[in-house]
Amino acid sequence: MTCVHCGKQIVEGSSYCNFCGSRQRSFLRFKALTRSATDSKIAGVCGGLGEYFGVDATIVRLVWLALSVVPGGIVGGVLAYILAWIVIPVSIPATTVAEIPAKPIAKAS
């Protein structure tokens, strides 16, 4: 994360810069609704909803199934799932430092 005032690198999620002391714009951050790339059975829609609301994806799947079984709701539930599959973007899994390939150091001549 980069400080919005001095431009130096600071710890991700910091409220204040440890170099210049300025407050960071934390109020502009929002949580994006995305399909889960790691917790998916069909397309990751229920996994993404579970991550967004902070609940287990299995509970979201059970609620979706229960609401889809209501008479006349099966077509609506399947149609809503397909539309969510099309509309909601896939999340990009966070990479760890170990997964980032090392760059060779250029030797000075």
N, C-alpha and C. Protein backbone atom coordinates (compact mmCIF):
# COMPACT_ATOMS: atom_id res chain seq x y z
N MET A 1 0.84 -1.16 0.00
CA MET A 1 0.00 0.00 0.00
C MET A 1 0.90 1.24 0.00
N THR A 2 0.50 2.24 -0.73
CA THR A 2 1.28 3.46 -0.84
C THR A 2 0.55 4.59 -0.12
N CYS A 3 1.30 5.41 0.61
CA CYS A 3 0.73 6.58 1.30
C CYS A 3 0.18 7.54 0.26
N VAL A 4 -1.01 8.09 0.53
CA VAL A 4 -1.64 9.00 -0.42
C VAL A 4 -1.00 10.39 -0.42
N HIS A 5 -0.18 10.69 0.60
CA HIS A 5 0.44 12.02 0.68
C HIS A 5 1.92 12.00 0.30
N CYS A 6 2.71 11.12 0.95
CA CYS A 6 4.15 11.14 0.69
C CYS A 6 4.58 10.11 -0.36
N GLY A 7 3.72 9.12 -0.68
CA GLY A 7 4.03 8.15 -1.72
C GLY A 7 4.93 7.01 -1.29
N LYS A 8 5.24 6.89 -0.01
CA LYS A 8 6.10 5.81 0.46
C LYS A 8 5.27 4.57 0.75
N GLN A 9 5.92 3.41 0.68
CA GLN A 9 5.25 2.14 0.93
C GLN A 9 4.99 1.99 2.42
N ILE A 10 3.74 1.66 2.79
CA ILE A 10 3.38 1.42 4.18
C ILE A 10 2.67 0.08 4.28
N VAL A 11 2.43 -0.37 5.48
CA VAL A 11 1.79 -1.65 5.72
C VAL A 11 0.36 -1.62 5.18
N GLU A 12 -0.06 -2.69 4.51
CA GLU A 12 -1.39 -2.80 3.93
C GLU A 12 -2.45 -2.67 5.02
N GLY A 13 -3.45 -1.83 4.79
CA GLY A 13 -4.54 -1.64 5.73
C GLY A 13 -4.26 -0.63 6.82
N SER A 14 -3.15 0.10 6.74
CA SER A 14 -2.82 1.10 7.75
C SER A 14 -3.79 2.27 7.67
N SER A 15 -4.13 2.83 8.83
CA SER A 15 -4.97 4.01 8.87
C SER A 15 -4.15 5.28 8.76
N TYR A 16 -2.89 5.21 9.24
CA TYR A 16 -1.99 6.37 9.21
C TYR A 16 -0.66 5.96 8.61
N CYS A 17 0.01 6.90 7.97
CA CYS A 17 1.34 6.67 7.41
C CYS A 17 2.36 6.77 8.53
N ASN A 18 3.28 5.81 8.63
CA ASN A 18 4.29 5.85 9.68
C ASN A 18 5.46 6.77 9.31
N PHE A 19 5.46 7.34 8.12
CA PHE A 19 6.51 8.28 7.72
C PHE A 19 6.06 9.73 7.92
N CYS A 20 4.90 10.10 7.34
CA CYS A 20 4.45 11.49 7.43
C CYS A 20 3.29 11.68 8.41
N GLY A 21 2.67 10.60 8.86
CA GLY A 21 1.60 10.69 9.85
C GLY A 21 0.24 11.03 9.30
N SER A 22 0.09 11.11 7.99
CA SER A 22 -1.19 11.49 7.40
C SER A 22 -2.18 10.33 7.44
N ARG A 23 -3.46 10.69 7.57
CA ARG A 23 -4.53 9.69 7.59
C ARG A 23 -4.77 9.19 6.18
N GLN A 24 -4.93 7.89 6.05
CA GLN A 24 -5.19 7.29 4.74
C GLN A 24 -6.68 7.26 4.48
N ARG A 25 -7.07 7.20 3.23
CA ARG A 25 -8.49 7.23 2.85
C ARG A 25 -9.10 5.84 2.99
N SER A 26 -9.27 5.37 4.21
CA SER A 26 -9.82 4.04 4.43
C SER A 26 -11.32 3.98 4.16
N PHE A 27 -11.99 5.14 4.18
CA PHE A 27 -13.43 5.16 3.98
C PHE A 27 -13.81 4.90 2.53
N LEU A 28 -12.85 4.93 1.60
CA LEU A 28 -13.14 4.69 0.19
C LEU A 28 -13.09 3.21 -0.18
N ARG A 29 -12.59 2.40 0.72
CA ARG A 29 -12.49 0.97 0.42
C ARG A 29 -13.87 0.32 0.52
N PHE A 30 -14.13 -0.62 -0.36
CA PHE A 30 -15.38 -1.35 -0.32
C PHE A 30 -15.09 -2.82 -0.64
N LYS A 31 -16.00 -3.64 -0.23
CA LYS A 31 -15.87 -5.07 -0.47
C LYS A 31 -16.60 -5.40 -1.77
N ALA A 32 -15.91 -6.01 -2.70
CA ALA A 32 -16.50 -6.34 -3.99
C ALA A 32 -17.11 -7.74 -3.94
N LEU A 33 -18.27 -7.89 -4.57
CA LEU A 33 -18.91 -9.19 -4.69
C LEU A 33 -18.31 -9.90 -5.90
N THR A 34 -17.62 -11.02 -5.65
CA THR A 34 -17.01 -11.80 -6.72
C THR A 34 -17.33 -13.27 -6.51
N ARG A 35 -17.24 -14.03 -7.59
CA ARG A 35 -17.38 -15.48 -7.48
C ARG A 35 -16.09 -16.05 -6.90
N SER A 36 -16.21 -17.04 -6.06
CA SER A 36 -15.04 -17.61 -5.40
C SER A 36 -14.23 -18.45 -6.38
N ALA A 37 -12.91 -18.24 -6.36
CA ALA A 37 -12.02 -19.04 -7.19
C ALA A 37 -11.57 -20.29 -6.46
N THR A 38 -11.73 -20.31 -5.14
CA THR A 38 -11.25 -21.45 -4.35
C THR A 38 -12.38 -22.31 -3.80
N ASP A 39 -13.54 -21.72 -3.48
CA ASP A 39 -14.64 -22.47 -2.88
C ASP A 39 -15.80 -22.52 -3.86
N SER A 40 -15.67 -23.41 -4.86
CA SER A 40 -16.73 -23.50 -5.86
C SER A 40 -17.09 -24.95 -6.12
N LYS A 41 -18.39 -25.17 -6.30
CA LYS A 41 -18.89 -26.50 -6.68
C LYS A 41 -19.24 -26.50 -8.17
N ILE A 42 -19.95 -25.48 -8.60
CA ILE A 42 -20.31 -25.36 -10.02
C ILE A 42 -19.60 -24.15 -10.62
N ALA A 43 -19.95 -22.95 -10.14
CA ALA A 43 -19.36 -21.74 -10.71
C ALA A 43 -18.78 -20.81 -9.66
N GLY A 44 -18.95 -21.11 -8.38
CA GLY A 44 -18.41 -20.28 -7.31
C GLY A 44 -19.32 -19.16 -6.86
N VAL A 45 -20.59 -19.17 -7.30
CA VAL A 45 -21.52 -18.11 -6.92
C VAL A 45 -21.82 -18.17 -5.43
N CYS A 46 -22.18 -19.31 -4.92
CA CYS A 46 -22.50 -19.44 -3.49
C CYS A 46 -21.25 -19.25 -2.63
N GLY A 47 -20.10 -19.70 -3.10
CA GLY A 47 -18.86 -19.46 -2.38
C GLY A 47 -18.53 -17.98 -2.30
N GLY A 48 -18.77 -17.25 -3.38
CA GLY A 48 -18.55 -15.81 -3.39
C GLY A 48 -19.51 -15.08 -2.48
N LEU A 49 -20.79 -15.50 -2.47
CA LEU A 49 -21.76 -14.88 -1.57
C LEU A 49 -21.40 -15.16 -0.11
N GLY A 50 -20.90 -16.37 0.15
CA GLY A 50 -20.48 -16.70 1.51
C GLY A 50 -19.30 -15.85 1.96
N GLU A 51 -18.32 -15.64 1.08
CA GLU A 51 -17.18 -14.78 1.40
C GLU A 51 -17.62 -13.33 1.61
N TYR A 52 -18.56 -12.87 0.80
CA TYR A 52 -19.02 -11.49 0.89
C TYR A 52 -19.75 -11.22 2.21
N PHE A 53 -20.62 -12.14 2.61
CA PHE A 53 -21.39 -11.96 3.83
C PHE A 53 -20.71 -12.53 5.07
N GLY A 54 -19.58 -13.20 4.90
CA GLY A 54 -18.83 -13.72 6.04
C GLY A 54 -19.45 -14.95 6.67
N VAL A 55 -20.12 -15.78 5.88
CA VAL A 55 -20.70 -17.03 6.37
C VAL A 55 -20.15 -18.19 5.56
N ASP A 56 -20.37 -19.39 6.04
CA ASP A 56 -19.90 -20.58 5.35
C ASP A 56 -20.68 -20.76 4.05
N ALA A 57 -19.98 -21.13 3.01
CA ALA A 57 -20.61 -21.31 1.70
C ALA A 57 -21.63 -22.43 1.70
N THR A 58 -21.45 -23.42 2.56
CA THR A 58 -22.42 -24.52 2.64
C THR A 58 -23.78 -24.01 3.10
N ILE A 59 -23.80 -23.06 4.01
CA ILE A 59 -25.06 -22.49 4.47
C ILE A 59 -25.73 -21.73 3.34
N VAL A 60 -24.96 -20.99 2.56
CA VAL A 60 -25.52 -20.27 1.41
C VAL A 60 -26.09 -21.26 0.41
N ARG A 61 -25.38 -22.36 0.18
CA ARG A 61 -25.88 -23.38 -0.76
C ARG A 61 -27.18 -24.00 -0.27
N LEU A 62 -27.26 -24.28 1.04
CA LEU A 62 -28.48 -24.87 1.60
C LEU A 62 -29.65 -23.91 1.52
N VAL A 63 -29.42 -22.62 1.81
CA VAL A 63 -30.49 -21.63 1.71
C VAL A 63 -30.94 -21.49 0.27
N TRP A 64 -29.99 -21.45 -0.68
CA TRP A 64 -30.33 -21.33 -2.10
C TRP A 64 -31.16 -22.55 -2.53
N LEU A 65 -30.76 -23.74 -2.09
CA LEU A 65 -31.50 -24.95 -2.43
C LEU A 65 -32.90 -24.93 -1.83
N ALA A 66 -33.01 -24.51 -0.57
CA ALA A 66 -34.32 -24.46 0.09
C ALA A 66 -35.24 -23.47 -0.60
N LEU A 67 -34.71 -22.32 -1.00
CA LEU A 67 -35.55 -21.35 -1.69
C LEU A 67 -35.89 -21.77 -3.11
N SER A 68 -35.04 -22.60 -3.71
CA SER A 68 -35.31 -23.07 -5.07
C SER A 68 -36.32 -24.21 -5.11
N VAL A 69 -36.50 -24.92 -4.00
CA VAL A 69 -37.42 -26.05 -3.95
C VAL A 69 -38.86 -25.60 -3.78
N VAL A 70 -39.06 -24.37 -3.34
CA VAL A 70 -40.40 -23.84 -3.18
C VAL A 70 -41.12 -23.98 -4.53
N PRO A 71 -42.39 -24.39 -4.52
CA PRO A 71 -43.10 -24.60 -5.80
C PRO A 71 -42.97 -23.40 -6.74
N GLY A 72 -42.50 -23.68 -7.94
CA GLY A 72 -42.30 -22.65 -8.93
C GLY A 72 -40.97 -21.92 -8.78
N GLY A 73 -40.24 -22.21 -7.72
CA GLY A 73 -38.99 -21.52 -7.48
C GLY A 73 -37.79 -22.19 -8.10
N ILE A 74 -37.94 -23.45 -8.52
CA ILE A 74 -36.80 -24.18 -9.10
C ILE A 74 -36.32 -23.48 -10.36
N VAL A 75 -37.25 -23.11 -11.23
CA VAL A 75 -36.86 -22.43 -12.46
C VAL A 75 -36.25 -21.07 -12.12
N GLY A 76 -36.84 -20.35 -11.16
CA GLY A 76 -36.32 -19.05 -10.75
C GLY A 76 -34.96 -19.16 -10.09
N GLY A 77 -34.77 -20.20 -9.26
CA GLY A 77 -33.49 -20.39 -8.59
C GLY A 77 -32.38 -20.74 -9.56
N VAL A 78 -32.68 -21.60 -10.51
CA VAL A 78 -31.69 -21.98 -11.52
C VAL A 78 -31.39 -20.79 -12.43
N LEU A 79 -32.42 -20.06 -12.82
CA LEU A 79 -32.23 -18.88 -13.67
C LEU A 79 -31.42 -17.81 -12.93
N ALA A 80 -31.71 -17.59 -11.65
CA ALA A 80 -30.96 -16.60 -10.87
C ALA A 80 -29.50 -17.02 -10.73
N TYR A 81 -29.25 -18.33 -10.56
CA TYR A 81 -27.87 -18.81 -10.45
C TYR A 81 -27.12 -18.59 -11.75
N ILE A 82 -27.75 -18.90 -12.87
CA ILE A 82 -27.11 -18.71 -14.18
C ILE A 82 -26.83 -17.23 -14.44
N LEU A 83 -27.78 -16.36 -14.10
CA LEU A 83 -27.56 -14.93 -14.27
C LEU A 83 -26.42 -14.43 -13.37
N ALA A 84 -26.38 -14.92 -12.12
CA ALA A 84 -25.29 -14.54 -11.21
C ALA A 84 -23.96 -15.05 -11.74
N TRP A 85 -23.95 -16.23 -12.33
CA TRP A 85 -22.75 -16.81 -12.93
C TRP A 85 -22.21 -15.89 -14.04
N ILE A 86 -23.13 -15.34 -14.83
CA ILE A 86 -22.74 -14.48 -15.94
C ILE A 86 -22.31 -13.10 -15.45
N VAL A 87 -23.04 -12.53 -14.50
CA VAL A 87 -22.84 -11.14 -14.09
C VAL A 87 -21.69 -10.94 -13.11
N ILE A 88 -21.55 -11.83 -12.12
CA ILE A 88 -20.55 -11.64 -11.05
C ILE A 88 -19.18 -12.08 -11.57
N PRO A 89 -18.16 -11.21 -11.45
CA PRO A 89 -16.82 -11.58 -11.93
C PRO A 89 -16.13 -12.56 -10.98
N VAL A 90 -15.16 -13.29 -11.51
CA VAL A 90 -14.40 -14.25 -10.71
C VAL A 90 -13.36 -13.50 -9.89
N SER A 91 -13.18 -13.91 -8.63
CA SER A 91 -12.17 -13.28 -7.80
C SER A 91 -10.79 -13.76 -8.22
N ILE A 92 -9.81 -12.90 -8.03
CA ILE A 92 -8.43 -13.24 -8.33
C ILE A 92 -7.79 -13.68 -7.02
N PRO A 93 -7.33 -14.94 -6.92
CA PRO A 93 -6.73 -15.39 -5.67
C PRO A 93 -5.48 -14.59 -5.34
N ALA A 94 -5.33 -14.28 -4.06
CA ALA A 94 -4.15 -13.52 -3.62
C ALA A 94 -2.91 -14.40 -3.74
N THR A 95 -1.83 -13.81 -4.25
CA THR A 95 -0.59 -14.55 -4.37
C THR A 95 0.26 -14.31 -3.14
N THR A 96 0.96 -15.33 -2.75
CA THR A 96 1.86 -15.19 -1.62
C THR A 96 3.26 -14.88 -2.13
N VAL A 97 4.12 -14.49 -1.23
CA VAL A 97 5.49 -14.15 -1.62
C VAL A 97 6.19 -15.36 -2.22
N ALA A 98 5.89 -16.56 -1.73
CA ALA A 98 6.53 -17.77 -2.23
C ALA A 98 6.12 -18.07 -3.67
N GLU A 99 4.93 -17.62 -4.09
CA GLU A 99 4.46 -17.91 -5.44
C GLU A 99 5.00 -16.93 -6.48
N ILE A 100 5.51 -15.78 -6.04
CA ILE A 100 6.02 -14.79 -6.98
C ILE A 100 7.41 -15.23 -7.44
N PRO A 101 7.64 -15.35 -8.74
CA PRO A 101 8.95 -15.81 -9.21
C PRO A 101 10.04 -14.79 -8.90
N ALA A 102 11.19 -15.30 -8.53
CA ALA A 102 12.32 -14.44 -8.21
C ALA A 102 12.95 -13.90 -9.48
N LYS A 103 13.33 -12.62 -9.46
CA LYS A 103 14.00 -12.01 -10.60
C LYS A 103 15.51 -12.08 -10.35
N PRO A 104 16.28 -12.45 -11.38
CA PRO A 104 17.73 -12.49 -11.20
C PRO A 104 18.28 -11.08 -11.00
N ILE A 105 19.29 -10.99 -10.16
CA ILE A 105 19.92 -9.69 -9.88
C ILE A 105 20.92 -9.41 -10.99
N ALA A 106 20.82 -8.22 -11.58
CA ALA A 106 21.74 -7.85 -12.66
C ALA A 106 23.11 -7.54 -12.06
N LYS A 107 24.14 -8.10 -12.66
CA LYS A 107 25.50 -7.87 -12.17
C LYS A 107 26.05 -6.59 -12.81
N ALA A 108 26.68 -5.81 -11.96
CA ALA A 108 27.30 -4.58 -12.46
C ALA A 108 28.63 -4.92 -13.10
N SER A 109 28.93 -4.32 -14.24
CA SER A 109 30.17 -4.61 -14.95
C SER A 109 31.27 -3.69 -14.51
